[in-house]
Amino acid sequence: MLATKLDTLFKTVQELAAKSPSVSSAPAPASTSAPKADAGVAVDGFESSALFVQLAHAFATMAPAERKRAVQGVRGVFQFNIRNAAGQTQTWALDLKNTAESGEVVARGAPAKADIILTVADADFVSIGQGKTSAQGAFLTGKLKLKGNMALAMKLEPVLKAARPKASL
């Protein structure tokens, strides 16, 4: 069940990528410090960087009250450890506990203390983000590993739904 909820995260990033054809057109919060490039281009050796920058942009552009509603009840810190083909690891944090109401939610680097740690290869993370692989399938095949408060990951879905771009009529 946990991995199924992660699909929502990756679908959100995929929708953001469709709305923003280039990461450079969407200003990212300063703490992400990810290189600006077209989505899917690995200028830092990690294709997933663009996905995290787009997620950071979604949270950064939310109104404070909307962001507060989105993360209400979650109160957790998520750490994503992404490995590339060269064996390098990059860490991203999704902080829905300490900074979600007033500060930056997505940042590059390990948080002081994560409630749940997700470990995945860069190519698998991108595949999940593009909808080619399900998070549940990746979890069941051992491509996605979870450590920590598993119940907390179940609370990601409403947060990520709130981060999706709103359709304008």
N, C-alpha and C. Protein backbone atom coordinates (compact mmCIF):
# COMPACT_ATOMS: atom_id res chain seq x y z
N MET A 1 0.82 -1.20 0.00
CA MET A 1 0.00 0.00 0.00
C MET A 1 0.86 1.26 0.00
N LEU A 2 1.94 1.22 0.73
CA LEU A 2 2.83 2.37 0.83
C LEU A 2 3.35 2.77 -0.54
N ALA A 3 3.81 1.81 -1.30
CA ALA A 3 4.37 2.11 -2.61
C ALA A 3 3.31 2.66 -3.55
N THR A 4 2.08 2.25 -3.39
CA THR A 4 1.00 2.78 -4.22
C THR A 4 0.85 4.27 -3.99
N LYS A 5 0.96 4.70 -2.75
CA LYS A 5 0.85 6.13 -2.44
C LYS A 5 2.00 6.91 -3.05
N LEU A 6 3.15 6.28 -3.21
CA LEU A 6 4.29 6.96 -3.82
C LEU A 6 4.03 7.26 -5.28
N ASP A 7 3.19 6.46 -5.93
CA ASP A 7 2.84 6.74 -7.33
C ASP A 7 2.26 8.14 -7.46
N THR A 8 1.52 8.58 -6.45
CA THR A 8 0.95 9.93 -6.48
C THR A 8 2.04 10.97 -6.56
N LEU A 9 3.12 10.78 -5.81
CA LEU A 9 4.25 11.70 -5.86
C LEU A 9 4.79 11.80 -7.28
N PHE A 10 5.02 10.67 -7.88
CA PHE A 10 5.62 10.67 -9.20
C PHE A 10 4.66 11.17 -10.28
N LYS A 11 3.38 10.91 -10.12
CA LYS A 11 2.39 11.44 -11.06
C LYS A 11 2.33 12.96 -10.95
N THR A 12 2.45 13.48 -9.73
CA THR A 12 2.47 14.92 -9.53
C THR A 12 3.65 15.55 -10.24
N VAL A 13 4.82 14.95 -10.09
CA VAL A 13 6.02 15.46 -10.74
C VAL A 13 5.87 15.39 -12.25
N GLN A 14 5.27 14.29 -12.73
CA GLN A 14 5.06 14.13 -14.18
C GLN A 14 4.13 15.23 -14.70
N GLU A 15 3.06 15.52 -13.96
CA GLU A 15 2.14 16.58 -14.37
C GLU A 15 2.83 17.93 -14.36
N LEU A 16 3.66 18.16 -13.35
CA LEU A 16 4.40 19.42 -13.30
C LEU A 16 5.36 19.54 -14.49
N ALA A 17 5.98 18.43 -14.86
CA ALA A 17 6.89 18.44 -16.00
C ALA A 17 6.15 18.76 -17.28
N ALA A 18 4.94 18.26 -17.41
CA ALA A 18 4.14 18.55 -18.60
C ALA A 18 3.74 20.02 -18.66
N LYS A 19 3.46 20.61 -17.52
CA LYS A 19 3.09 22.02 -17.46
C LYS A 19 4.29 22.94 -17.65
N SER A 20 5.47 22.49 -17.20
CA SER A 20 6.70 23.28 -17.30
C SER A 20 7.68 22.52 -18.18
N PRO A 21 7.73 22.82 -19.48
CA PRO A 21 8.61 22.07 -20.36
C PRO A 21 10.08 22.24 -20.03
N SER A 22 10.45 23.29 -19.31
CA SER A 22 11.85 23.50 -18.96
C SER A 22 11.97 23.92 -17.51
N VAL A 23 12.88 23.30 -16.81
CA VAL A 23 13.11 23.66 -15.41
C VAL A 23 13.58 25.10 -15.32
N SER A 24 14.32 25.57 -16.32
CA SER A 24 14.85 26.92 -16.25
C SER A 24 13.75 27.97 -16.33
N SER A 25 12.56 27.61 -16.81
CA SER A 25 11.48 28.58 -16.86
C SER A 25 10.74 28.67 -15.54
N ALA A 26 11.02 27.76 -14.60
CA ALA A 26 10.36 27.75 -13.31
C ALA A 26 11.40 28.04 -12.23
N PRO A 27 11.31 29.20 -11.57
CA PRO A 27 12.29 29.49 -10.55
C PRO A 27 12.18 28.51 -9.38
N ALA A 28 13.30 27.97 -8.97
CA ALA A 28 13.32 27.03 -7.86
C ALA A 28 13.78 27.74 -6.60
N PRO A 29 13.34 27.24 -5.45
CA PRO A 29 13.83 27.82 -4.21
C PRO A 29 15.35 27.70 -4.15
N ALA A 30 15.98 28.65 -3.51
CA ALA A 30 17.44 28.72 -3.49
C ALA A 30 18.09 27.49 -2.89
N SER A 31 17.49 26.87 -1.88
CA SER A 31 18.16 25.76 -1.21
C SER A 31 18.26 24.52 -2.07
N THR A 32 17.47 24.40 -3.13
CA THR A 32 17.57 23.21 -3.96
C THR A 32 18.88 23.23 -4.72
N SER A 33 19.38 24.36 -5.10
CA SER A 33 20.65 24.57 -5.79
C SER A 33 20.91 23.55 -6.88
N ALA A 34 19.86 23.07 -7.51
CA ALA A 34 20.03 22.12 -8.60
C ALA A 34 20.34 22.87 -9.88
N PRO A 35 21.15 22.30 -10.73
CA PRO A 35 21.46 22.95 -11.99
C PRO A 35 20.20 23.13 -12.81
N LYS A 36 20.12 24.22 -13.52
CA LYS A 36 18.96 24.46 -14.36
C LYS A 36 19.21 23.82 -15.71
N ALA A 37 18.23 23.03 -16.15
CA ALA A 37 18.36 22.34 -17.42
C ALA A 37 16.99 21.91 -17.89
N ASP A 38 16.92 21.45 -19.11
CA ASP A 38 15.66 20.91 -19.60
C ASP A 38 15.36 19.65 -18.82
N ALA A 39 14.05 19.40 -18.59
CA ALA A 39 13.66 18.22 -17.86
C ALA A 39 14.22 16.98 -18.56
N GLY A 40 14.76 16.06 -17.79
CA GLY A 40 15.30 14.84 -18.34
C GLY A 40 16.77 14.93 -18.73
N VAL A 41 17.35 16.11 -18.67
CA VAL A 41 18.77 16.26 -19.00
C VAL A 41 19.55 16.22 -17.70
N ALA A 42 20.52 15.34 -17.63
CA ALA A 42 21.26 15.12 -16.40
C ALA A 42 22.55 15.94 -16.39
N VAL A 43 22.45 17.26 -16.19
CA VAL A 43 23.66 18.09 -16.16
C VAL A 43 24.48 17.87 -14.90
N ASP A 44 23.88 17.34 -13.85
CA ASP A 44 24.62 17.05 -12.63
C ASP A 44 24.82 15.56 -12.44
N GLY A 45 24.53 14.78 -13.47
CA GLY A 45 24.67 13.33 -13.39
C GLY A 45 23.42 12.63 -12.89
N PHE A 46 22.37 13.38 -12.60
CA PHE A 46 21.11 12.83 -12.08
C PHE A 46 19.93 13.41 -12.87
N GLU A 47 19.23 12.56 -13.59
CA GLU A 47 18.05 13.02 -14.32
C GLU A 47 16.93 13.40 -13.36
N SER A 48 16.91 12.82 -12.18
CA SER A 48 15.85 13.08 -11.21
C SER A 48 15.91 14.49 -10.62
N SER A 49 17.03 15.18 -10.75
CA SER A 49 17.14 16.53 -10.20
C SER A 49 16.04 17.44 -10.73
N ALA A 50 15.74 17.33 -12.01
CA ALA A 50 14.70 18.16 -12.61
C ALA A 50 13.34 17.89 -11.98
N LEU A 51 13.07 16.64 -11.63
CA LEU A 51 11.80 16.29 -11.01
C LEU A 51 11.67 16.94 -9.62
N PHE A 52 12.76 16.92 -8.86
CA PHE A 52 12.72 17.52 -7.53
C PHE A 52 12.60 19.04 -7.61
N VAL A 53 13.26 19.65 -8.58
CA VAL A 53 13.17 21.10 -8.73
C VAL A 53 11.73 21.49 -9.09
N GLN A 54 11.08 20.71 -9.92
CA GLN A 54 9.70 21.00 -10.28
C GLN A 54 8.77 20.84 -9.09
N LEU A 55 9.01 19.83 -8.26
CA LEU A 55 8.20 19.65 -7.06
C LEU A 55 8.43 20.82 -6.09
N ALA A 56 9.68 21.25 -5.97
CA ALA A 56 9.99 22.39 -5.10
C ALA A 56 9.27 23.64 -5.59
N HIS A 57 9.23 23.83 -6.90
CA HIS A 57 8.55 24.99 -7.47
C HIS A 57 7.05 24.95 -7.15
N ALA A 58 6.45 23.77 -7.23
CA ALA A 58 5.03 23.65 -6.92
C ALA A 58 4.74 24.09 -5.49
N PHE A 59 5.56 23.64 -4.53
CA PHE A 59 5.36 24.05 -3.15
C PHE A 59 5.68 25.52 -2.93
N ALA A 60 6.72 26.01 -3.58
CA ALA A 60 7.13 27.41 -3.40
C ALA A 60 6.09 28.38 -3.92
N THR A 61 5.32 27.99 -4.90
CA THR A 61 4.34 28.90 -5.48
C THR A 61 2.95 28.76 -4.85
N MET A 62 2.80 27.84 -3.91
CA MET A 62 1.53 27.72 -3.19
C MET A 62 1.37 28.88 -2.22
N ALA A 63 0.14 29.31 -2.04
CA ALA A 63 -0.14 30.30 -1.01
C ALA A 63 0.11 29.64 0.35
N PRO A 64 0.59 30.41 1.34
CA PRO A 64 0.89 29.81 2.65
C PRO A 64 -0.28 29.05 3.26
N ALA A 65 -1.49 29.56 3.13
CA ALA A 65 -2.65 28.87 3.69
C ALA A 65 -2.91 27.56 2.95
N GLU A 66 -2.70 27.57 1.64
CA GLU A 66 -2.89 26.36 0.84
C GLU A 66 -1.85 25.31 1.20
N ARG A 67 -0.61 25.76 1.38
CA ARG A 67 0.46 24.84 1.76
C ARG A 67 0.18 24.24 3.14
N LYS A 68 -0.31 25.07 4.06
CA LYS A 68 -0.63 24.60 5.41
C LYS A 68 -1.72 23.52 5.36
N ARG A 69 -2.76 23.76 4.57
CA ARG A 69 -3.83 22.77 4.42
C ARG A 69 -3.29 21.48 3.79
N ALA A 70 -2.39 21.63 2.84
CA ALA A 70 -1.86 20.47 2.11
C ALA A 70 -1.08 19.53 3.02
N VAL A 71 -0.35 20.07 3.97
CA VAL A 71 0.51 19.23 4.80
C VAL A 71 -0.07 18.93 6.17
N GLN A 72 -1.27 19.45 6.45
CA GLN A 72 -1.89 19.23 7.74
C GLN A 72 -2.00 17.74 8.04
N GLY A 73 -1.59 17.33 9.19
CA GLY A 73 -1.70 15.95 9.59
C GLY A 73 -0.54 15.06 9.17
N VAL A 74 0.33 15.53 8.29
CA VAL A 74 1.45 14.70 7.84
C VAL A 74 2.57 14.77 8.87
N ARG A 75 3.09 15.94 9.07
CA ARG A 75 4.12 16.19 10.07
C ARG A 75 5.24 15.16 10.04
N GLY A 76 5.93 15.10 8.90
CA GLY A 76 7.03 14.17 8.78
C GLY A 76 8.08 14.67 7.81
N VAL A 77 9.26 14.09 7.90
CA VAL A 77 10.37 14.45 7.03
C VAL A 77 10.74 13.22 6.20
N PHE A 78 10.75 13.39 4.88
CA PHE A 78 11.04 12.32 3.94
C PHE A 78 12.41 12.56 3.33
N GLN A 79 13.21 11.51 3.25
CA GLN A 79 14.53 11.61 2.63
C GLN A 79 14.55 10.66 1.44
N PHE A 80 14.98 11.18 0.28
CA PHE A 80 15.12 10.39 -0.94
C PHE A 80 16.61 10.25 -1.24
N ASN A 81 17.11 9.03 -1.26
CA ASN A 81 18.50 8.76 -1.64
C ASN A 81 18.45 8.21 -3.07
N ILE A 82 19.02 8.96 -4.00
CA ILE A 82 18.99 8.60 -5.42
C ILE A 82 20.41 8.23 -5.85
N ARG A 83 20.57 7.04 -6.45
CA ARG A 83 21.87 6.58 -6.97
C ARG A 83 21.86 6.67 -8.48
N ASN A 84 22.96 7.18 -9.07
CA ASN A 84 23.04 7.20 -10.53
C ASN A 84 23.85 6.01 -11.02
N ALA A 85 23.98 5.89 -12.34
CA ALA A 85 24.69 4.76 -12.94
C ALA A 85 26.17 4.74 -12.57
N ALA A 86 26.74 5.90 -12.25
CA ALA A 86 28.15 5.99 -11.88
C ALA A 86 28.39 5.61 -10.42
N GLY A 87 27.32 5.28 -9.71
CA GLY A 87 27.46 4.89 -8.31
C GLY A 87 27.43 6.04 -7.33
N GLN A 88 27.21 7.25 -7.82
CA GLN A 88 27.11 8.42 -6.94
C GLN A 88 25.71 8.46 -6.33
N THR A 89 25.62 9.05 -5.15
CA THR A 89 24.33 9.19 -4.49
C THR A 89 24.03 10.67 -4.27
N GLN A 90 22.80 11.02 -4.50
CA GLN A 90 22.31 12.38 -4.27
C GLN A 90 21.12 12.26 -3.33
N THR A 91 21.03 13.16 -2.37
CA THR A 91 19.95 13.10 -1.39
C THR A 91 19.08 14.34 -1.48
N TRP A 92 17.78 14.12 -1.41
CA TRP A 92 16.79 15.21 -1.40
C TRP A 92 15.90 15.01 -0.18
N ALA A 93 15.42 16.10 0.38
CA ALA A 93 14.53 16.04 1.53
C ALA A 93 13.20 16.70 1.20
N LEU A 94 12.13 16.10 1.68
CA LEU A 94 10.79 16.67 1.60
C LEU A 94 10.37 16.86 3.05
N ASP A 95 10.44 18.11 3.53
CA ASP A 95 10.20 18.41 4.94
C ASP A 95 8.78 18.93 5.12
N LEU A 96 7.91 18.07 5.59
CA LEU A 96 6.52 18.43 5.84
C LEU A 96 6.26 18.53 7.34
N LYS A 97 7.33 18.77 8.08
CA LYS A 97 7.24 18.85 9.53
C LYS A 97 7.73 20.20 10.04
N ASN A 98 8.91 20.59 9.65
CA ASN A 98 9.56 21.76 10.21
C ASN A 98 9.37 23.03 9.39
N THR A 99 9.32 22.91 8.07
CA THR A 99 9.27 24.12 7.24
C THR A 99 8.06 24.19 6.33
N ALA A 100 7.20 23.21 6.38
CA ALA A 100 6.11 23.11 5.41
C ALA A 100 5.16 24.30 5.44
N GLU A 101 4.93 24.89 6.59
CA GLU A 101 3.96 25.97 6.66
C GLU A 101 4.53 27.31 6.26
N SER A 102 5.84 27.49 6.45
CA SER A 102 6.38 28.82 6.20
C SER A 102 7.61 28.84 5.32
N GLY A 103 8.27 27.73 5.16
CA GLY A 103 9.54 27.75 4.44
C GLY A 103 9.58 26.80 3.26
N GLU A 104 10.80 26.50 2.85
CA GLU A 104 11.00 25.62 1.71
C GLU A 104 10.73 24.18 2.12
N VAL A 105 10.02 23.48 1.27
CA VAL A 105 9.60 22.13 1.55
C VAL A 105 10.56 21.11 0.97
N VAL A 106 11.09 21.38 -0.22
CA VAL A 106 12.00 20.47 -0.90
C VAL A 106 13.39 21.07 -0.91
N ALA A 107 14.39 20.31 -0.49
CA ALA A 107 15.76 20.82 -0.47
C ALA A 107 16.73 19.70 -0.83
N ARG A 108 17.83 20.09 -1.45
CA ARG A 108 18.88 19.12 -1.74
C ARG A 108 19.68 18.90 -0.47
N GLY A 109 20.03 17.65 -0.21
CA GLY A 109 20.80 17.30 0.97
C GLY A 109 19.96 16.55 1.97
N ALA A 110 20.64 15.89 2.88
CA ALA A 110 19.96 15.10 3.90
C ALA A 110 19.39 15.99 4.99
N PRO A 111 18.20 15.69 5.46
CA PRO A 111 17.65 16.45 6.59
C PRO A 111 18.35 16.03 7.87
N ALA A 112 18.21 16.83 8.91
CA ALA A 112 18.82 16.50 10.20
C ALA A 112 18.32 15.15 10.70
N LYS A 113 17.02 14.91 10.56
CA LYS A 113 16.44 13.64 10.98
C LYS A 113 15.25 13.34 10.09
N ALA A 114 15.34 12.24 9.35
CA ALA A 114 14.24 11.83 8.47
C ALA A 114 13.37 10.81 9.19
N ASP A 115 12.07 10.91 8.97
CA ASP A 115 11.13 9.94 9.52
C ASP A 115 11.03 8.70 8.63
N ILE A 116 11.27 8.89 7.33
CA ILE A 116 11.26 7.78 6.38
C ILE A 116 12.31 8.05 5.31
N ILE A 117 13.02 7.01 4.91
CA ILE A 117 14.07 7.12 3.90
C ILE A 117 13.70 6.22 2.73
N LEU A 118 13.69 6.79 1.53
CA LEU A 118 13.40 6.05 0.31
C LEU A 118 14.67 6.01 -0.52
N THR A 119 15.08 4.83 -0.93
CA THR A 119 16.30 4.66 -1.71
C THR A 119 15.94 4.03 -3.05
N VAL A 120 16.43 4.65 -4.14
CA VAL A 120 16.08 4.19 -5.49
C VAL A 120 17.15 4.64 -6.47
N ALA A 121 17.34 3.89 -7.54
CA ALA A 121 18.27 4.28 -8.60
C ALA A 121 17.66 5.44 -9.39
N ASP A 122 18.52 6.30 -9.89
CA ASP A 122 18.08 7.47 -10.64
C ASP A 122 17.18 7.08 -11.81
N ALA A 123 17.61 6.10 -12.60
CA ALA A 123 16.84 5.67 -13.76
C ALA A 123 15.47 5.13 -13.34
N ASP A 124 15.41 4.40 -12.23
CA ASP A 124 14.13 3.88 -11.74
C ASP A 124 13.23 5.00 -11.24
N PHE A 125 13.83 5.98 -10.56
CA PHE A 125 13.05 7.12 -10.08
C PHE A 125 12.45 7.89 -11.25
N VAL A 126 13.24 8.11 -12.28
CA VAL A 126 12.75 8.82 -13.47
C VAL A 126 11.66 8.00 -14.16
N SER A 127 11.85 6.69 -14.25
CA SER A 127 10.86 5.81 -14.86
C SER A 127 9.53 5.88 -14.10
N ILE A 128 9.62 5.88 -12.78
CA ILE A 128 8.42 6.00 -11.96
C ILE A 128 7.79 7.37 -12.18
N GLY A 129 8.62 8.41 -12.21
CA GLY A 129 8.14 9.77 -12.42
C GLY A 129 7.45 9.96 -13.76
N GLN A 130 7.89 9.24 -14.78
CA GLN A 130 7.31 9.33 -16.11
C GLN A 130 6.11 8.41 -16.27
N GLY A 131 5.79 7.63 -15.25
CA GLY A 131 4.65 6.73 -15.31
C GLY A 131 4.93 5.43 -16.04
N LYS A 132 6.17 5.16 -16.37
CA LYS A 132 6.53 3.92 -17.06
C LYS A 132 6.58 2.73 -16.10
N THR A 133 6.88 3.02 -14.83
CA THR A 133 6.95 2.00 -13.79
C THR A 133 6.12 2.50 -12.61
N SER A 134 5.41 1.59 -11.96
CA SER A 134 4.65 2.00 -10.78
C SER A 134 5.56 1.93 -9.56
N ALA A 135 5.30 2.79 -8.59
CA ALA A 135 6.07 2.76 -7.35
C ALA A 135 5.86 1.43 -6.64
N GLN A 136 4.64 0.92 -6.71
CA GLN A 136 4.36 -0.37 -6.08
C GLN A 136 5.18 -1.47 -6.74
N GLY A 137 5.24 -1.47 -8.06
CA GLY A 137 6.05 -2.46 -8.77
C GLY A 137 7.52 -2.34 -8.42
N ALA A 138 8.01 -1.11 -8.34
CA ALA A 138 9.41 -0.89 -7.98
C ALA A 138 9.68 -1.37 -6.56
N PHE A 139 8.74 -1.15 -5.66
CA PHE A 139 8.90 -1.59 -4.28
C PHE A 139 8.90 -3.12 -4.20
N LEU A 140 7.97 -3.74 -4.90
CA LEU A 140 7.85 -5.20 -4.85
C LEU A 140 9.04 -5.92 -5.49
N THR A 141 9.68 -5.28 -6.47
CA THR A 141 10.83 -5.89 -7.12
C THR A 141 12.15 -5.51 -6.46
N GLY A 142 12.09 -4.71 -5.41
CA GLY A 142 13.29 -4.34 -4.68
C GLY A 142 14.03 -3.15 -5.26
N LYS A 143 13.47 -2.50 -6.28
CA LYS A 143 14.11 -1.33 -6.87
C LYS A 143 13.93 -0.09 -6.01
N LEU A 144 12.88 -0.07 -5.21
CA LEU A 144 12.58 1.03 -4.29
C LEU A 144 12.60 0.46 -2.89
N LYS A 145 13.45 1.01 -2.05
CA LYS A 145 13.58 0.52 -0.68
C LYS A 145 13.10 1.60 0.29
N LEU A 146 12.39 1.18 1.32
CA LEU A 146 11.83 2.10 2.31
C LEU A 146 12.33 1.71 3.69
N LYS A 147 12.67 2.73 4.49
CA LYS A 147 13.16 2.50 5.85
C LYS A 147 12.60 3.59 6.74
N GLY A 148 12.04 3.21 7.87
CA GLY A 148 11.51 4.19 8.81
C GLY A 148 10.01 4.04 9.00
N ASN A 149 9.35 5.13 9.27
CA ASN A 149 7.93 5.18 9.57
C ASN A 149 7.10 4.96 8.30
N MET A 150 6.78 3.72 8.02
CA MET A 150 6.05 3.38 6.80
C MET A 150 4.66 4.00 6.76
N ALA A 151 4.01 4.10 7.91
CA ALA A 151 2.66 4.67 7.95
C ALA A 151 2.67 6.13 7.51
N LEU A 152 3.77 6.82 7.74
CA LEU A 152 3.88 8.22 7.35
C LEU A 152 3.80 8.40 5.84
N ALA A 153 4.37 7.47 5.11
CA ALA A 153 4.35 7.56 3.65
C ALA A 153 2.92 7.51 3.12
N MET A 154 2.03 6.88 3.83
CA MET A 154 0.63 6.80 3.42
C MET A 154 -0.02 8.18 3.40
N LYS A 155 0.55 9.12 4.13
CA LYS A 155 -0.02 10.47 4.22
C LYS A 155 0.47 11.39 3.11
N LEU A 156 1.31 10.91 2.23
CA LEU A 156 1.84 11.75 1.15
C LEU A 156 0.80 12.12 0.11
N GLU A 157 -0.16 11.24 -0.15
CA GLU A 157 -1.10 11.45 -1.24
C GLU A 157 -1.82 12.80 -1.21
N PRO A 158 -2.45 13.19 -0.11
CA PRO A 158 -3.15 14.48 -0.12
C PRO A 158 -2.21 15.67 -0.31
N VAL A 159 -1.00 15.56 0.21
CA VAL A 159 -0.02 16.63 0.07
C VAL A 159 0.34 16.80 -1.40
N LEU A 160 0.60 15.72 -2.04
CA LEU A 160 1.01 15.77 -3.43
C LEU A 160 -0.12 16.17 -4.36
N LYS A 161 -1.33 15.79 -4.02
CA LYS A 161 -2.49 16.23 -4.81
C LYS A 161 -2.59 17.75 -4.74
N ALA A 162 -2.34 18.31 -3.58
CA ALA A 162 -2.41 19.76 -3.42
C ALA A 162 -1.30 20.46 -4.19
N ALA A 163 -0.21 19.78 -4.45
CA ALA A 163 0.91 20.38 -5.18
C ALA A 163 0.72 20.33 -6.69
N ARG A 164 -0.29 19.60 -7.15
CA ARG A 164 -0.53 19.53 -8.59
C ARG A 164 -0.98 20.87 -9.12
N PRO A 165 -0.64 21.16 -10.38
CA PRO A 165 -1.07 22.41 -10.98
C PRO A 165 -2.59 22.44 -11.08
N LYS A 166 -3.14 23.61 -10.83
CA LYS A 166 -4.59 23.79 -10.91
C LYS A 166 -4.99 24.11 -12.33
N ALA A 167 -6.08 23.51 -12.78
CA ALA A 167 -6.58 23.81 -14.12
C ALA A 167 -7.29 25.15 -14.08
N SER A 168 -7.04 25.96 -15.10
CA SER A 168 -7.71 27.26 -15.15
C SER A 168 -8.82 27.18 -16.19
N LEU A 169 -9.96 27.74 -15.84
CA LEU A 169 -11.12 27.71 -16.73
C LEU A 169 -11.25 28.98 -17.50
